[in-house]
Protein backbone atom coordinates (compact mmCIF):
# COMPACT_ATOMS: atom_id res chain seq x y z
CA UNK A 1 25.96 -53.32 25.84
CA UNK A 2 22.93 -54.02 23.66
CA UNK A 3 23.15 -52.87 20.07
CA UNK A 4 19.41 -52.36 19.55
CA UNK A 5 19.24 -48.67 20.64
CA UNK A 6 21.93 -47.89 18.05
CA UNK A 7 19.99 -49.70 15.31
CA UNK A 8 16.83 -47.86 16.28
CA UNK A 9 18.61 -44.53 15.79
CA UNK A 10 19.82 -45.61 12.35
CA UNK A 11 16.30 -46.60 11.33
CA UNK A 12 15.04 -43.16 12.25
CA UNK A 13 17.78 -41.61 10.13
CA UNK A 14 16.78 -43.78 7.19
CA UNK A 15 13.25 -42.48 7.48
CA UNK A 16 14.52 -39.01 6.60
CA UNK A 17 16.96 -39.92 3.85
CA UNK A 18 15.34 -42.88 2.10
CA UNK A 19 12.94 -40.95 -0.18
CA UNK A 20 15.87 -39.47 -2.12
CA UNK A 21 17.59 -42.84 -2.32
CA UNK A 22 14.43 -44.59 -3.51
CA UNK A 23 14.12 -42.03 -6.27
CA UNK A 24 17.64 -42.89 -7.40
CA UNK A 25 16.74 -46.58 -7.64
CA UNK A 26 13.54 -45.82 -9.53
CA UNK A 27 15.52 -43.76 -12.03
CA UNK A 28 17.79 -46.62 -12.93
CA UNK A 29 20.36 -46.10 -10.23
CA UNK A 30 20.32 -49.81 -9.34
CA UNK A 31 20.80 -51.13 -5.85
CA UNK A 32 22.59 -49.13 -3.20
CA UNK A 33 26.33 -49.65 -3.52
CA UNK A 34 27.38 -48.00 -0.26
CA UNK A 35 25.91 -47.98 3.25
CA UNK A 36 24.10 -44.87 4.46
CA UNK A 37 26.20 -43.34 7.18
CA UNK A 38 25.00 -41.03 9.91
CA UNK A 39 26.09 -37.38 9.67
CA UNK A 40 29.49 -36.52 11.12
CA UNK A 41 27.82 -34.23 13.61
CA UNK A 42 25.21 -36.39 15.39
CA UNK A 43 23.47 -33.20 16.56
CA UNK A 44 22.67 -32.07 13.00
CA UNK A 45 19.58 -33.37 11.22
CA UNK A 46 17.75 -32.82 7.96
CA UNK A 47 14.64 -30.65 8.27
CA UNK A 48 11.88 -30.31 5.69
CA UNK A 49 11.18 -26.57 5.46
CA UNK A 50 8.21 -25.18 3.56
CA UNK A 51 6.86 -21.68 3.08
CA UNK A 52 3.61 -20.50 1.53
CA UNK A 53 4.07 -18.02 -1.29
CA UNK A 54 1.51 -16.23 -3.42
CA UNK A 55 1.59 -15.74 -7.18
CA UNK A 56 -0.55 -12.61 -7.02
CA UNK A 57 -0.70 -9.62 -4.72
CA UNK A 58 -3.72 -8.79 -2.60
CA UNK A 59 -4.44 -5.39 -1.10
CA UNK A 60 -7.23 -6.81 1.03
CA UNK A 61 -5.30 -9.54 2.79
CA UNK A 62 -4.22 -7.77 5.94
CA UNK A 63 -1.83 -9.97 7.91
CA UNK A 64 -3.24 -13.25 6.66
CA UNK A 65 -1.36 -16.16 5.13
CA UNK A 66 -1.92 -14.67 1.71
CA UNK A 67 1.84 -14.50 1.40
CA UNK A 68 3.75 -12.40 -1.08
CA UNK A 69 3.06 -10.63 -4.39
CA UNK A 70 3.94 -11.65 -7.90
CA UNK A 71 7.27 -9.79 -7.76
CA UNK A 72 8.79 -12.27 -5.30
CA UNK A 73 11.58 -14.34 -6.86
CA UNK A 74 13.32 -15.83 -3.83
CA UNK A 75 13.15 -16.36 -0.09
CA UNK A 76 16.21 -16.29 2.18
CA UNK A 77 15.97 -18.46 5.29
CA UNK A 78 18.14 -17.50 8.25
CA UNK A 79 18.45 -20.10 11.02
CA UNK A 80 19.67 -19.50 14.58
CA UNK A 81 20.39 -22.31 17.03
CA UNK A 82 19.26 -22.35 20.65
CA UNK A 83 22.12 -19.99 21.57
CA UNK A 84 21.07 -17.48 18.87
CA UNK A 85 24.14 -18.37 16.79
CA UNK A 86 23.73 -18.59 12.99
CA UNK A 87 23.99 -22.20 11.85
CA UNK A 88 26.44 -23.29 9.18
CA UNK A 89 25.27 -22.38 5.69
CA UNK A 90 22.73 -19.82 6.89
CA UNK A 91 21.08 -17.96 5.28
CA UNK A 92 19.74 -20.57 2.87
CA UNK A 93 18.22 -19.65 -0.49
CA UNK A 94 14.85 -20.88 -1.76
CA UNK A 95 13.84 -20.21 -5.37
CA UNK A 96 10.18 -19.12 -5.43
CA UNK A 97 9.97 -17.89 -9.02
CA UNK A 98 7.20 -19.02 -11.33
CA UNK A 99 9.43 -21.69 -12.88
CA UNK A 100 10.83 -23.01 -9.61
CA UNK A 101 10.79 -26.78 -9.21
CA UNK A 102 10.70 -26.25 -5.44
CA UNK A 103 7.10 -25.02 -5.55
CA UNK A 104 3.83 -26.87 -5.95
CA UNK A 105 0.23 -25.76 -6.05
CA UNK A 106 -2.17 -24.10 -8.44
CA UNK A 107 -3.81 -20.72 -7.97
CA UNK A 108 -2.80 -17.74 -5.88
CA UNK A 109 -1.26 -19.80 -3.06
CA UNK A 110 1.70 -22.11 -3.57
CA UNK A 111 3.97 -24.05 -1.23
CA UNK A 112 7.73 -24.00 -1.80
CA UNK A 113 9.93 -26.46 0.08
CA UNK A 114 13.57 -27.30 0.66
CA UNK A 115 15.72 -29.45 2.94
CA UNK A 116 17.87 -27.71 5.55
CA UNK A 117 20.63 -29.11 7.71
CA UNK A 118 20.17 -27.60 11.17
CA UNK A 119 21.20 -28.47 14.71
CA UNK A 120 19.02 -30.32 17.19
CA UNK A 121 17.42 -28.00 19.72
CA UNK A 122 15.18 -24.94 19.83
CA UNK A 123 15.95 -23.32 16.44
CA UNK A 124 14.60 -20.05 15.05
CA UNK A 125 13.76 -19.79 11.35
CA UNK A 126 13.30 -16.37 9.67
CA UNK A 127 12.16 -16.20 6.05
CA UNK A 128 12.48 -12.95 4.06
CA UNK A 129 10.95 -12.55 0.60
CA UNK A 130 12.95 -10.67 -2.06
CA UNK A 131 12.13 -9.24 -5.47
CA UNK A 132 15.26 -10.78 -7.04
CA UNK A 133 16.79 -14.24 -7.30
CA UNK A 134 19.15 -15.49 -4.59
CA UNK A 135 18.06 -12.88 -2.06
CA UNK A 136 18.78 -9.88 -4.26
CA UNK A 137 16.59 -6.89 -4.94
CA UNK A 138 14.33 -5.37 -2.33
CA UNK A 139 12.98 -7.15 0.76
CA UNK A 140 9.19 -7.38 0.85
CA UNK A 141 7.97 -9.26 3.91
CA UNK A 142 9.31 -11.59 6.56
CA UNK A 143 8.07 -14.15 9.05
CA UNK A 144 9.74 -15.93 11.98
CA UNK A 145 8.99 -19.20 13.75
CA UNK A 146 10.84 -20.97 16.58
CA UNK A 147 10.55 -24.75 16.69
CA UNK A 148 12.09 -27.63 18.62
CA UNK A 149 14.15 -29.90 16.35
CA UNK A 150 14.54 -33.50 17.50
CA UNK A 151 17.13 -36.20 16.84
CA UNK A 152 15.88 -39.45 15.30
CA UNK A 153 12.60 -37.84 14.19
CA UNK A 154 10.96 -36.45 11.09
CA UNK A 155 11.18 -32.69 11.52
CA UNK A 156 9.00 -30.36 9.47
CA UNK A 157 8.96 -26.58 9.74
CA UNK A 158 6.25 -24.56 7.99
CA UNK A 159 5.41 -20.88 7.97
CA UNK A 160 3.37 -18.46 5.88
CA UNK A 161 4.56 -15.05 4.81
CA UNK A 162 2.11 -12.15 5.19
CA UNK A 163 0.95 -10.07 2.28
CA UNK A 164 3.37 -7.39 1.15
CA UNK A 165 2.77 -3.87 2.39
CA UNK A 166 0.07 -2.25 0.24
CA UNK A 167 -2.09 0.83 0.43
CA UNK A 168 -5.50 2.08 -0.61
CA UNK A 169 -6.28 5.81 -0.72
CA UNK A 170 -9.84 7.03 -0.30
CA UNK A 171 -10.70 10.68 -0.87
CA UNK A 172 -12.80 12.56 1.65
CA UNK A 173 -14.10 16.12 1.81
CA UNK A 174 -12.45 18.56 -0.65
CA UNK A 175 -10.06 15.86 -1.87
CA UNK A 176 -9.48 13.42 -4.74
CA UNK A 177 -7.23 10.37 -5.16
CA UNK A 178 -5.73 8.97 -8.36
CA UNK A 179 -3.15 6.21 -8.05
CA UNK A 180 -0.81 7.23 -5.26
CA UNK A 181 -1.54 10.96 -5.61
CA UNK A 182 -3.88 12.86 -3.30
CA UNK A 183 -5.06 16.34 -4.26
CA UNK A 184 -6.87 18.36 -1.62
CA UNK A 185 -7.82 21.92 -0.90
CA UNK A 186 -6.02 23.99 1.70
CA UNK A 187 -8.89 23.88 4.15
CA UNK A 188 -8.98 22.37 7.67
CA UNK A 189 -11.98 20.32 6.60
CA UNK A 190 -10.17 18.58 3.72
CA UNK A 191 -9.41 14.92 4.45
CA UNK A 192 -8.32 11.65 2.85
CA UNK A 193 -7.80 8.12 4.20
CA UNK A 194 -4.60 6.11 3.67
CA UNK A 195 -5.44 2.49 4.54
CA UNK A 196 -2.58 -0.04 4.79
CA UNK A 197 -2.62 -3.83 4.60
CA UNK A 198 0.00 -6.55 4.86
CA UNK A 199 3.59 -5.93 5.72
CA UNK A 200 5.80 -7.12 8.54
CA UNK A 201 5.59 -5.61 11.99
CA UNK A 202 3.95 -2.42 13.16
CA UNK A 203 3.40 0.49 10.82
CA UNK A 204 5.33 3.71 11.38
CA UNK A 205 5.58 7.00 9.53
CA UNK A 206 9.08 7.27 8.08
CA UNK A 207 8.55 10.66 6.42
CA UNK A 208 5.67 13.02 6.11
CA UNK A 209 4.76 16.61 5.33
CA UNK A 210 5.39 19.64 7.55
CA UNK A 211 2.49 20.11 9.99
CA UNK A 212 1.88 23.51 8.44
CA UNK A 213 0.71 21.67 5.29
CA UNK A 214 -1.00 18.57 6.72
CA UNK A 215 -1.19 16.21 9.68
CA UNK A 216 -1.54 12.42 9.92
CA UNK A 217 -3.72 10.74 12.52
CA UNK A 218 -3.53 6.95 12.99
CA UNK A 219 -6.96 5.42 13.60
CA UNK A 220 -8.10 1.77 13.40
CA UNK A 221 -8.99 2.12 9.70
CA UNK A 222 -5.68 3.73 8.68
CA UNK A 223 -3.92 7.07 8.52
CA UNK A 224 -6.24 10.06 8.18
CA UNK A 225 -4.71 12.94 6.20
CA UNK A 226 -5.87 16.40 7.27
CA UNK A 227 -5.09 19.65 5.50
CA UNK A 228 -3.74 22.37 7.78
CA UNK A 229 -5.00 25.17 5.53
CA UNK A 230 -1.76 26.04 3.69
CA UNK A 231 -0.92 24.99 0.13
CA UNK A 232 2.10 22.80 -0.60
CA UNK A 233 3.29 19.47 -2.02
CA UNK A 234 4.97 16.65 -0.10
CA UNK A 235 5.37 12.87 0.16
CA UNK A 236 4.29 10.40 2.83
CA UNK A 237 6.50 7.35 3.47
CA UNK A 238 5.35 4.46 5.67
CA UNK A 239 7.55 1.73 7.15
CA UNK A 240 6.42 -1.72 8.25
CA UNK A 241 9.41 -2.98 10.22
CA UNK A 242 11.19 -4.45 7.19
CA UNK A 243 10.74 -2.16 4.21
CA UNK A 244 9.27 1.21 3.39
CA UNK A 245 6.50 2.24 1.07
CA UNK A 246 5.85 5.69 -0.39
CA UNK A 247 2.11 5.37 -0.80
CA UNK A 248 1.08 8.98 -1.20
CA UNK A 249 2.11 12.18 -2.90
CA UNK A 250 -0.08 14.95 -1.47
CA UNK A 251 -0.79 18.13 -3.38
CA UNK A 252 -2.52 20.75 -1.26
CA UNK A 253 -4.04 23.46 -3.47
CA UNK A 254 -5.21 26.91 -2.39
CA UNK A 255 -8.93 27.13 -1.76
CA UNK A 256 -10.74 28.74 -4.72
CA UNK A 257 -11.26 32.47 -4.38
CA UNK A 258 -13.24 34.92 -6.61
CA UNK A 259 -12.11 38.34 -7.74
CA UNK A 260 -14.21 40.37 -7.38
CA UNK A 261 -16.61 38.64 -4.98
CA UNK A 262 -19.35 41.27 -5.40
CA UNK A 263 -21.11 42.27 -8.64
CA UNK A 264 -23.14 45.48 -8.79
CA UNK A 265 -25.13 45.96 -11.98
CA UNK A 266 -26.27 49.61 -12.12
CA UNK A 267 -25.71 50.56 -15.73
CA UNK A 268 -28.59 48.83 -17.43
CA UNK A 269 -29.78 45.35 -18.32
CA UNK A 270 -28.82 42.73 -20.90
CA UNK A 271 -25.54 41.58 -22.43
CA UNK A 272 -24.21 45.12 -22.62
CA UNK A 273 -24.13 45.17 -18.80
CA UNK A 274 -22.11 41.91 -18.51
CA UNK A 275 -19.40 41.65 -15.84
CA UNK A 276 -16.75 38.97 -15.17
CA UNK A 277 -15.25 37.24 -12.13
CA UNK A 278 -11.89 35.43 -12.18
CA UNK A 279 -11.39 32.38 -9.90
CA UNK A 280 -7.92 31.74 -8.49
CA UNK A 281 -6.90 28.57 -6.66
CA UNK A 282 -8.97 25.42 -6.60
CA UNK A 283 -8.91 22.65 -9.17
CA UNK A 284 -10.64 23.03 -12.54
CA UNK A 285 -13.14 22.48 -13.98
CA UNK A 286 -15.48 24.88 -12.20
CA UNK A 287 -19.24 24.54 -12.36
CA UNK A 288 -22.14 26.80 -11.45
CA UNK A 289 -24.26 25.15 -8.76
CA UNK A 290 -26.65 28.04 -8.06
CA UNK A 291 -27.52 31.31 -9.77
CA UNK A 292 -30.30 33.87 -9.09
CA UNK A 293 -33.15 33.90 -11.60
CA UNK A 294 -32.58 37.54 -12.56
CA UNK A 295 -29.11 36.72 -13.95
CA UNK A 296 -27.78 34.96 -16.99
CA UNK A 297 -24.47 33.28 -16.12
CA UNK A 298 -21.84 31.19 -17.87
CA UNK A 299 -18.31 29.98 -17.12
CA UNK A 300 -15.29 29.54 -19.38
CA UNK A 301 -12.24 28.03 -17.69
CA UNK A 302 -11.83 29.97 -14.46
CA UNK A 303 -13.82 33.03 -15.56
CA UNK A 304 -17.48 33.57 -14.69
CA UNK A 305 -19.56 35.89 -16.89
CA UNK A 306 -22.93 37.30 -15.76
CA UNK A 307 -25.43 39.92 -16.82
CA UNK A 308 -28.84 40.92 -15.38
CA UNK A 309 -32.19 40.54 -17.09
CA UNK A 310 -34.09 42.41 -14.40
CA UNK A 311 -33.56 44.02 -11.05
CA UNK A 312 -32.78 41.73 -8.14
CA UNK A 313 -30.19 40.45 -5.71
CA UNK A 314 -28.81 37.05 -4.76
CA UNK A 315 -25.76 34.78 -4.57
CA UNK A 316 -23.96 32.90 -7.32
CA UNK A 317 -22.33 29.67 -6.10
CA UNK A 318 -19.53 27.92 -7.98
CA UNK A 319 -17.84 24.59 -7.18
CA UNK A 320 -14.39 23.44 -8.20
CA UNK A 321 -13.77 19.76 -9.07
CA UNK A 322 -13.03 18.95 -5.41
CA UNK A 323 -16.29 20.47 -4.24
CA UNK A 324 -14.79 23.70 -2.94
CA UNK A 325 -17.53 26.35 -2.94
CA UNK A 326 -17.13 29.92 -4.22
CA UNK A 327 -19.77 32.55 -3.39
CA UNK A 328 -20.34 35.78 -5.31
CA UNK A 329 -22.93 38.35 -4.28
CA UNK A 330 -24.83 40.04 -7.16
CA UNK A 331 -27.19 43.01 -7.18
CA UNK A 332 -28.94 44.65 -10.13
CA UNK A 333 -30.87 47.91 -9.98
CA UNK A 334 -33.21 49.36 -12.62
CA UNK A 335 -31.90 52.55 -14.09
CA UNK A 336 -34.58 55.26 -14.28
CA UNK A 337 -34.15 57.65 -17.22
CA UNK A 338 -35.92 60.97 -16.64
CA UNK A 339 -38.30 62.09 -19.44
CA UNK A 340 -38.08 65.70 -20.41
CA UNK A 341 -41.38 67.64 -20.18
CA UNK A 342 -42.48 70.18 -22.80
CA UNK A 343 -44.49 73.25 -21.91
């Protein structure tokens, strides 16, 4: 039997392992003192595995290879062989911290690499990013790739992790957003938009508010939050197939209401005829958006003060900080004082 096929296989194996050996010689290791032997299991080969990781988070990188946020410290790599059996040593750990010697690159996108010993065949590689070292902490995102691994070949496996699950809240009618908190009025017209980016897998609502308080509608631009008309406070939790995110605390506040909602001025004019209206519900501060010309009006906190300067009728309109309107009807009549006649 010819020995050349066997030598050809050994040369291919040297192609994979020689870079490490050459480094040893360059560092003063001298000449090689022992022959390089093939692995005991001829069906196991060294694979160069690399993953793209990001040093900064991005809320606008929806499902792109923008990778993972600054909190990622490690990536665990699980490998299954062609029979879906975990390979020896799996899962493997890859240090992706800022000081990791396994990572190269400058800027928001880096590449971290390691060598894995995996079986020949159709192998599946799943990388999961974690907030702690050595696969500890919370999982952030994951990505999976299946690749054919060949004997006597240079095998390289690369994948990019998606951006971590992130959210952006935009206030709509009768609503405001600050951080992860939404405040809206208890009115069927009150809305807000919860837009999601990144993550692993399809989005799903893990927890939400009772439908008596609000409803969520999934549209192409995100989850639309609708008030059902009843006040209350609750949390929304979204899952992405790997982890969960609690992106929104929703406070639904009663719609502003005046008491009384009608002012009748029939006892004279001027400051001495002043009357007050107290506003309940809504979100301060309140402002006066319209007032009839025959009235002088002012507001302090949630109390409206008004007095007439002449006869007339009209509507006073107030707005709370969310734009909720309050209407108060006002009427002033001139008091006629009879003059006594002398005979």
